[in-house]
């Protein structure tokens, strides 16, 4: 009898989801990525404003993570990650984003274009936008002020120490039916890693997502970030992150597992650079109140090198994909 492969749904966007998928795809599992559609920075602003499409950068990263890595497929992976750094209007754009935009025009549907691009890259999994509605994130802060736009929240012009007291979207978006079904039917739902508000909760605040998570037949795991983020999680501990996640997904049923880094041997030069951005390693103050704690050395030995043409801020310290993948599989096992 063939053993059934567990269904794992990773909810998020950006580099964190890329890392989680890269680690998990090496194991016998069925993978689905549910991706945020609120990105409004860099080339995504052009994709949204000039092409009238949903942002594609997070979808592109998921495709690269799940693509085959042999022969021609490896060359395609590199092409899809290539970022132009010359030319007026095209500098900062990625080949992958332009490819999906062109194919959307040819096919007459961005949804079909995403599906066909997955076939071309021979991805081992499914990638679903969390919503087909065009939405912007709205953050309300402790002082009563509001900021509209994922990029404006991510790279704040205001005092980044202020806490976000409410995250929502404008207008209110509805969850994609396929995404909701995948979440409900998952053996494991993974939230993160990624920026708490602009990557993870950007999905959860879409109408219907918390209900789908609450109805999940399997387990729910959260991966804590490695570093705090100015403008989002200034001075947050691990328990602060968990508290926010459970507030937004609903408290009827909370998290089953939390994966957290236990290696604080960060390179000193890198820590100094982060300190200039008012960021620091996240303190592990978890006590396991109702959830299992999986502590691992999650630091990648490779430091991210930003390509030419990329004007956005990126995390230099990242999770190790292989270690994270194994830790998430552990969340599937009974206690």
Protein backbone atom coordinates (compact mmCIF):
# COMPACT_ATOMS: atom_id res chain seq x y z
CA UNK A 1 0.00 0.00 0.00
CA UNK A 2 1.37 3.40 -1.05
CA UNK A 3 1.77 5.76 1.88
CA UNK A 4 -0.26 8.93 1.47
CA UNK A 5 1.80 12.09 1.19
CA UNK A 6 0.75 14.73 3.72
CA UNK A 7 -0.76 17.94 2.37
CA UNK A 8 1.14 21.02 3.54
CA UNK A 9 -0.04 24.58 2.87
CA UNK A 10 2.44 27.43 3.37
CA UNK A 11 0.78 30.82 3.89
CA UNK A 12 2.80 33.98 3.43
CA UNK A 13 4.89 35.63 0.77
CA UNK A 14 8.36 36.82 -0.09
CA UNK A 15 11.63 35.24 0.95
CA UNK A 16 10.25 33.42 3.98
CA UNK A 17 7.82 31.37 1.92
CA UNK A 18 10.56 30.74 -0.65
CA UNK A 19 12.79 29.26 2.08
CA UNK A 20 10.02 27.13 3.60
CA UNK A 21 9.02 25.69 0.22
CA UNK A 22 12.66 25.07 -0.75
CA UNK A 23 13.16 22.97 2.38
CA UNK A 24 9.86 21.11 2.26
CA UNK A 25 9.96 20.15 -1.43
CA UNK A 26 12.83 17.74 -0.75
CA UNK A 27 10.43 15.52 1.22
CA UNK A 28 7.49 13.33 0.10
CA UNK A 29 4.74 15.90 0.68
CA UNK A 30 2.05 17.66 -1.37
CA UNK A 31 2.82 21.38 -1.29
CA UNK A 32 0.55 24.37 -1.82
CA UNK A 33 1.61 27.99 -1.39
CA UNK A 34 -1.09 30.55 -0.57
CA UNK A 35 0.44 33.88 -1.45
CA UNK A 36 -0.23 37.48 -0.38
CA UNK A 37 -1.57 39.84 -3.04
CA UNK A 38 -0.94 43.08 -1.14
CA UNK A 39 2.65 43.80 -2.26
CA UNK A 40 2.90 47.37 -3.52
CA UNK A 41 6.64 48.08 -3.64
CA UNK A 42 9.30 47.96 -6.34
CA UNK A 43 8.31 46.28 -9.60
CA UNK A 44 4.98 45.21 -8.13
CA UNK A 45 3.86 48.84 -8.13
CA UNK A 46 4.36 48.89 -11.90
CA UNK A 47 2.67 45.51 -12.33
CA UNK A 48 -0.36 46.80 -10.42
CA UNK A 49 -0.56 50.40 -11.64
CA UNK A 50 0.55 50.10 -15.28
CA UNK A 51 -0.45 46.54 -16.17
CA UNK A 52 -3.56 46.34 -13.98
CA UNK A 53 -2.51 42.93 -12.65
CA UNK A 54 -2.19 41.41 -9.20
CA UNK A 55 1.39 41.61 -7.82
CA UNK A 56 3.51 38.72 -9.05
CA UNK A 57 6.84 38.90 -7.17
CA UNK A 58 5.79 36.54 -4.37
CA UNK A 59 4.23 34.14 -6.86
CA UNK A 60 7.44 34.21 -8.89
CA UNK A 61 9.55 33.40 -5.83
CA UNK A 62 7.30 30.45 -4.98
CA UNK A 63 7.61 29.16 -8.55
CA UNK A 64 11.39 29.36 -8.41
CA UNK A 65 11.38 27.52 -5.07
CA UNK A 66 9.21 24.71 -6.44
CA UNK A 67 10.77 24.48 -9.92
CA UNK A 68 12.90 21.60 -11.13
CA UNK A 69 16.63 22.20 -10.65
CA UNK A 70 18.04 20.07 -13.47
CA UNK A 71 19.25 21.06 -16.93
CA UNK A 72 17.07 23.55 -18.78
CA UNK A 73 14.81 23.99 -15.75
CA UNK A 74 17.74 25.37 -13.74
CA UNK A 75 18.42 27.93 -16.45
CA UNK A 76 14.76 28.95 -16.37
CA UNK A 77 14.95 29.35 -12.57
CA UNK A 78 17.87 31.74 -13.00
CA UNK A 79 16.02 33.66 -15.71
CA UNK A 80 12.94 34.08 -13.53
CA UNK A 81 15.07 35.52 -10.71
CA UNK A 82 17.08 37.80 -13.00
CA UNK A 83 16.61 41.49 -12.17
CA UNK A 84 17.32 44.10 -14.84
CA UNK A 85 19.65 46.85 -13.67
CA UNK A 86 19.93 48.89 -16.86
CA UNK A 87 17.53 50.76 -19.07
CA UNK A 88 14.92 53.39 -18.31
CA UNK A 89 11.65 51.92 -17.10
CA UNK A 90 12.92 48.34 -16.98
CA UNK A 91 15.60 48.71 -14.28
CA UNK A 92 14.48 46.95 -11.10
CA UNK A 93 12.05 44.66 -12.92
CA UNK A 94 12.57 40.90 -12.91
CA UNK A 95 12.36 38.69 -15.98
CA UNK A 96 9.84 36.48 -14.18
CA UNK A 97 7.44 39.34 -13.45
CA UNK A 98 7.60 40.56 -17.06
CA UNK A 99 7.12 37.01 -18.35
CA UNK A 100 3.95 36.50 -16.29
CA UNK A 101 2.65 39.94 -17.33
CA UNK A 102 3.22 39.14 -21.01
CA UNK A 103 1.65 35.69 -20.71
CA UNK A 104 -1.36 37.20 -18.91
CA UNK A 105 -1.92 39.43 -21.93
CA UNK A 106 -1.51 36.52 -24.35
CA UNK A 107 -3.81 34.18 -22.40
CA UNK A 108 -6.30 36.90 -21.45
CA UNK A 109 -6.12 35.81 -17.80
CA UNK A 110 -3.52 36.19 -15.08
CA UNK A 111 -4.86 33.09 -13.36
CA UNK A 112 -4.26 30.99 -16.49
CA UNK A 113 -0.85 32.63 -16.97
CA UNK A 114 0.22 31.60 -13.47
CA UNK A 115 -0.94 28.03 -14.10
CA UNK A 116 0.88 27.83 -17.45
CA UNK A 117 4.05 29.34 -16.02
CA UNK A 118 4.04 26.62 -13.37
CA UNK A 119 3.92 24.01 -16.14
CA UNK A 120 6.83 25.63 -17.97
CA UNK A 121 8.94 25.60 -14.79
CA UNK A 122 7.71 22.10 -13.90
CA UNK A 123 6.93 23.08 -10.34
CA UNK A 124 6.34 20.39 -7.75
CA UNK A 125 3.31 21.88 -6.05
CA UNK A 126 0.50 24.38 -6.41
CA UNK A 127 0.63 28.17 -6.08
CA UNK A 128 -2.56 30.07 -5.30
CA UNK A 129 -3.15 33.80 -4.80
CA UNK A 130 -4.92 34.31 -1.47
CA UNK A 131 -7.44 36.52 -3.28
CA UNK A 132 -8.20 37.65 -6.83
CA UNK A 133 -9.26 41.07 -5.52
CA UNK A 134 -6.97 44.08 -5.82
CA UNK A 135 -6.38 45.23 -2.24
CA UNK A 136 -4.08 47.49 -0.25
CA UNK A 137 -3.00 46.87 3.33
CA UNK A 138 -4.13 49.39 5.94
CA UNK A 139 -2.27 49.65 9.25
CA UNK A 140 -3.68 51.52 12.23
CA UNK A 141 -1.19 52.52 14.93
CA UNK A 142 -1.31 53.10 18.66
CA UNK A 143 -1.43 56.88 18.18
CA UNK A 144 -4.52 56.63 15.96
CA UNK A 145 -2.70 57.25 12.66
CA UNK A 146 -3.24 55.11 9.54
CA UNK A 147 -0.90 54.08 6.73
CA UNK A 148 -2.16 52.63 3.45
CA UNK A 149 0.02 50.38 1.29
CA UNK A 150 2.25 47.39 2.00
CA UNK A 151 5.41 49.20 0.92
CA UNK A 152 4.64 52.22 3.11
CA UNK A 153 4.11 49.92 6.11
CA UNK A 154 7.22 47.89 5.30
CA UNK A 155 9.52 50.90 4.93
CA UNK A 156 7.91 53.49 7.22
CA UNK A 157 8.42 57.23 7.11
CA UNK A 158 6.82 57.47 10.57
CA UNK A 159 8.23 56.43 13.96
CA UNK A 160 8.89 52.70 13.48
CA UNK A 161 8.61 52.02 17.20
CA UNK A 162 4.83 52.49 17.13
CA UNK A 163 2.84 49.29 17.34
CA UNK A 164 0.25 48.31 14.80
CA UNK A 165 -3.05 47.84 16.63
CA UNK A 166 -5.14 46.81 13.63
CA UNK A 167 -4.35 45.47 10.17
CA UNK A 168 -6.97 45.33 7.42
CA UNK A 169 -7.32 45.75 3.66
CA UNK A 170 -8.87 48.41 1.48
CA UNK A 171 -11.20 47.36 -0.04
CA UNK A 172 -12.10 44.18 1.83
CA UNK A 173 -10.94 41.20 -0.23
CA UNK A 174 -12.44 37.73 -0.28
CA UNK A 175 -10.39 34.57 -0.13
CA UNK A 176 -9.90 32.58 -3.33
CA UNK A 177 -12.09 29.47 -3.12
CA UNK A 178 -9.26 27.14 -4.13
CA UNK A 179 -6.99 28.65 -1.48
CA UNK A 180 -9.66 28.27 1.20
CA UNK A 181 -10.26 24.64 0.24
CA UNK A 182 -6.52 23.86 0.32
CA UNK A 183 -6.23 25.35 3.82
CA UNK A 184 -9.23 23.41 5.14
CA UNK A 185 -7.97 20.11 3.70
CA UNK A 186 -4.33 20.50 4.81
CA UNK A 187 -2.60 18.11 7.17
CA UNK A 188 -0.36 21.02 8.14
CA UNK A 189 -0.82 24.76 7.66
CA UNK A 190 2.43 26.73 7.96
CA UNK A 191 2.36 30.45 8.74
CA UNK A 192 5.69 32.08 7.90
CA UNK A 193 8.47 32.74 8.14
CA UNK A 194 8.23 36.31 6.90
CA UNK A 195 7.42 39.83 7.99
CA UNK A 196 4.62 39.51 10.52
CA UNK A 197 2.21 42.10 9.14
CA UNK A 198 3.17 42.60 5.48
CA UNK A 199 3.76 38.95 4.52
CA UNK A 200 1.89 36.64 6.91
CA UNK A 201 -1.02 38.62 8.34
CA UNK A 202 -1.45 40.26 4.93
CA UNK A 203 -2.97 36.88 3.96
CA UNK A 204 -4.85 36.28 7.19
CA UNK A 205 -6.78 39.59 7.10
CA UNK A 206 -8.40 38.58 3.81
CA UNK A 207 -12.05 37.72 4.52
CA UNK A 208 -12.54 33.97 4.83
CA UNK A 209 -8.93 33.06 5.62
CA UNK A 210 -9.28 32.89 9.43
CA UNK A 211 -12.39 30.74 9.02
CA UNK A 212 -10.52 28.37 6.69
CA UNK A 213 -7.63 28.10 9.16
CA UNK A 214 -10.03 27.41 12.03
CA UNK A 215 -11.67 24.68 9.93
CA UNK A 216 -8.32 23.08 9.02
CA UNK A 217 -8.48 19.33 9.60
CA UNK A 218 -4.76 19.14 10.38
CA UNK A 219 -2.28 21.09 12.46
CA UNK A 220 -1.27 24.74 12.41
CA UNK A 221 2.36 25.79 12.81
CA UNK A 222 4.00 29.20 12.98
CA UNK A 223 7.65 29.93 12.17
CA UNK A 224 9.04 32.84 14.19
CA UNK A 225 11.28 35.28 12.34
CA UNK A 226 14.96 35.58 13.16
CA UNK A 227 15.06 39.37 13.56
CA UNK A 228 12.69 42.13 14.63
CA UNK A 229 11.56 44.62 11.99
CA UNK A 230 11.50 48.42 12.34
CA UNK A 231 7.99 49.67 11.62
CA UNK A 232 6.36 46.31 12.31
CA UNK A 233 7.80 44.36 15.21
CA UNK A 234 10.15 46.75 16.98
CA UNK A 235 11.29 45.13 20.26
CA UNK A 236 8.90 42.16 19.78
CA UNK A 237 9.75 38.90 21.50
CA UNK A 238 8.75 35.48 20.16
CA UNK A 239 5.66 35.43 22.38
CA UNK A 240 4.61 38.84 21.02
CA UNK A 241 4.68 37.36 17.52
CA UNK A 242 2.68 34.31 18.60
CA UNK A 243 0.12 36.48 20.37
CA UNK A 244 -0.49 38.55 17.22
CA UNK A 245 -0.79 35.45 15.03
CA UNK A 246 -3.36 33.86 17.31
CA UNK A 247 -5.30 37.14 17.59
CA UNK A 248 -5.76 37.30 13.83
CA UNK A 249 -6.36 33.61 13.07
CA UNK A 250 -8.86 33.38 15.93
CA UNK A 251 -8.64 31.93 19.41
CA UNK A 252 -11.22 29.15 19.08
CA UNK A 253 -8.35 26.89 18.12
CA UNK A 254 -4.82 28.20 18.42
CA UNK A 255 -1.47 27.09 17.13
CA UNK A 256 -0.37 23.48 17.44
CA UNK A 257 3.34 24.16 17.01
CA UNK A 258 5.78 27.06 16.98
CA UNK A 259 9.19 26.73 15.30
CA UNK A 260 11.84 29.07 16.71
CA UNK A 261 15.57 29.61 16.28
CA UNK A 262 17.83 28.71 19.21
CA UNK A 263 21.19 29.79 17.79
CA UNK A 264 22.17 33.36 18.63
CA UNK A 265 25.70 33.19 17.27
CA UNK A 266 25.04 35.90 14.68
CA UNK A 267 27.98 37.46 12.81
CA UNK A 268 28.92 40.63 14.71
CA UNK A 269 29.28 42.75 11.59
CA UNK A 270 25.80 41.75 10.45
CA UNK A 271 24.31 42.49 13.87
CA UNK A 272 25.88 45.96 13.76
CA UNK A 273 24.23 46.58 10.38
CA UNK A 274 20.87 45.46 11.76
CA UNK A 275 21.28 47.68 14.82
CA UNK A 276 21.50 50.68 12.50
CA UNK A 277 18.04 49.67 11.25
CA UNK A 278 16.78 49.33 14.86
CA UNK A 279 16.53 45.54 14.51
CA UNK A 280 17.80 42.75 16.74
CA UNK A 281 17.51 38.94 17.14
CA UNK A 282 14.11 37.89 18.45
CA UNK A 283 14.17 36.77 22.08
CA UNK A 284 12.81 33.28 22.68
CA UNK A 285 10.50 33.69 25.69
CA UNK A 286 8.08 30.94 24.66
CA UNK A 287 6.56 28.74 27.35
CA UNK A 288 4.43 26.46 25.19
CA UNK A 289 1.03 27.65 26.36
CA UNK A 290 -1.12 25.16 24.46
CA UNK A 291 1.33 24.57 21.63
CA UNK A 292 4.44 22.51 20.98
CA UNK A 293 7.76 24.38 20.74
CA UNK A 294 10.28 23.16 18.18
CA UNK A 295 13.64 24.81 18.84
CA UNK A 296 16.37 24.41 16.19
CA UNK A 297 19.46 26.13 14.88
CA UNK A 298 17.73 27.81 11.96
CA UNK A 299 20.47 30.22 10.89
CA UNK A 300 21.57 29.84 7.29
CA UNK A 301 25.34 29.92 6.79
CA UNK A 302 24.79 31.84 3.57
CA UNK A 303 24.25 35.59 3.75
CA UNK A 304 21.93 37.10 1.16
CA UNK A 305 23.65 39.12 -1.57
CA UNK A 306 21.28 41.68 -3.07
CA UNK A 307 21.44 41.77 -6.88
CA UNK A 308 21.99 44.96 -8.85
CA UNK A 309 18.80 46.83 -9.60
CA UNK A 310 17.05 45.81 -6.37
CA UNK A 311 16.11 48.99 -4.52
CA UNK A 312 14.07 47.40 -1.71
CA UNK A 313 15.33 46.51 1.75
CA UNK A 314 16.02 42.78 2.14
CA UNK A 315 16.85 40.51 5.05
CA UNK A 316 20.51 39.48 5.03
CA UNK A 317 20.17 36.78 7.71
CA UNK A 318 17.78 34.02 6.67
CA UNK A 319 16.49 30.63 7.79
CA UNK A 320 18.29 27.50 6.65
CA UNK A 321 15.88 25.81 4.24
CA UNK A 322 16.83 22.20 4.98
CA UNK A 323 16.70 22.59 8.77
CA UNK A 324 13.40 24.45 8.57
CA UNK A 325 11.90 21.80 6.32
CA UNK A 326 12.79 19.02 8.77
CA UNK A 327 11.47 21.05 11.72
CA UNK A 328 8.13 21.59 10.00
CA UNK A 329 7.79 17.86 9.28
CA UNK A 330 8.30 17.29 12.99
CA UNK A 331 5.22 19.44 13.62
CA UNK A 332 3.20 16.77 11.79
CA UNK A 333 4.20 14.04 14.22
CA UNK A 334 2.07 13.24 17.26
CA UNK A 335 3.43 14.34 20.63
